[in-house]
Amino acid sequence: MAVTLADVARAVGMSASTVSRALSGTEKVNEATRKRIHQVAREMGYEPNQVARSLTSGRSDILGLIVPDIANPFFPPIIKAVQSRAASRGKTVLIADVDEHPADEIKRARIMRKRVDGLIVVSPRTPAENLSQLVELAPIVFVNREVPGATSVLVDASEGIQEAVEHLASLGHTRIGYLNGPRRSWSNGQRRTAVQAACADLGIELVELGPFEPQIQAGVRAADLVHSKDLTAVIAYDDLIALGLMARMTERGVKVGPDISVIGIDDSPMSGMAYPTLTSIHVPGSRSGMTAVDLVLDLAEHQGDTPPQVVQLETRLIIRGSTAPAR
């Protein structure tokens, strides 16, 4: 026979309500008691009845997660962190990939909101004038985009980009390029502004190219433009564009590092496997995912009582083999 909540309560010598609160992740149960109840429940093979729980609580114990492109290596660490954090809080995650189609975000969000307790939207591509339609689907948390009137987890690229430009300046580079990401990307606007400010501060000539989609093929296309501009260093919107750039430069007989320095943004797993390895700005994707889960659950628990907030996470430069002294 299936182990019930009452069985676990009898085993630990506590009330069923205390056991229920502990297993649902509420903070009203102290940590030692919660751990003990979870351990006993696991040993007894207890499985919560999600249908019964949702009927009595009015909650589904499911969170919705929307990402622009699940194949982009920037998003899997965030997805993994969201799933892990949600599981530790007794929640399941429903994921939607809008495949870089901004028009699909609001449609998917509305459908998901009917089935979930809260939404996390990562790097939304929805135009600014339509964002209010997403905000109305509260509780909702945005990652990697600041949205007026909503809670956001932002990755502040300015620190890492400042370090990147200073690194290139110290290597003797005086004319560098920035490969823009998509026009609709909020994060590209932040990164572009940070590059412009750092170059102006250090007296470095900046050449901007693009926009480019966050794809390796876009980096291949960008390489020919970079080659024609006689640049000695390039900072790309993300690692995918940087890796495509490196591959095409190598095909053209240009040595990445000695002939041209390349810096990506995201510090994806691929950056450490490329040849040469890619210098990249580390973006705390996992931390942003975990933070988003905690925030959306807090909003769901105290709907209407928690004012919107903005959480800022910092970036840093990871130096590898793709940067070297200017030729």
Foldseek 3Di string as FASTA:
>chain_A
DADDLVNLCVVVVHDSVLLVCLLQQHPPHDPVVSVVSVVSCVVRVHDDDQVVVCVVVVFNLEEEEEEAAPPQLLAPLLVVLLQVLSVVNVHHYDYDHNPNDLVCPLVVLVVVLVRHLEYEYEQHLHDLVCCVSVVVSPPYEYECDDHPQAAYEHEQELAALLVVLVVQVVLPFQEEEEAAEDPSGPNSVNSVVSNVVSCVVVNGHYDYDDHFYQALVSLLVVLVVVVVVQGQEYEYAADSSQLSNCVNCVVVVAHQAARHAYEGEDPGPVQVVDVQRHKYKHTPSSVSSSVRNVVRVVCSVVPPPDGHDYHYDYIHIDDTRRHHRGD
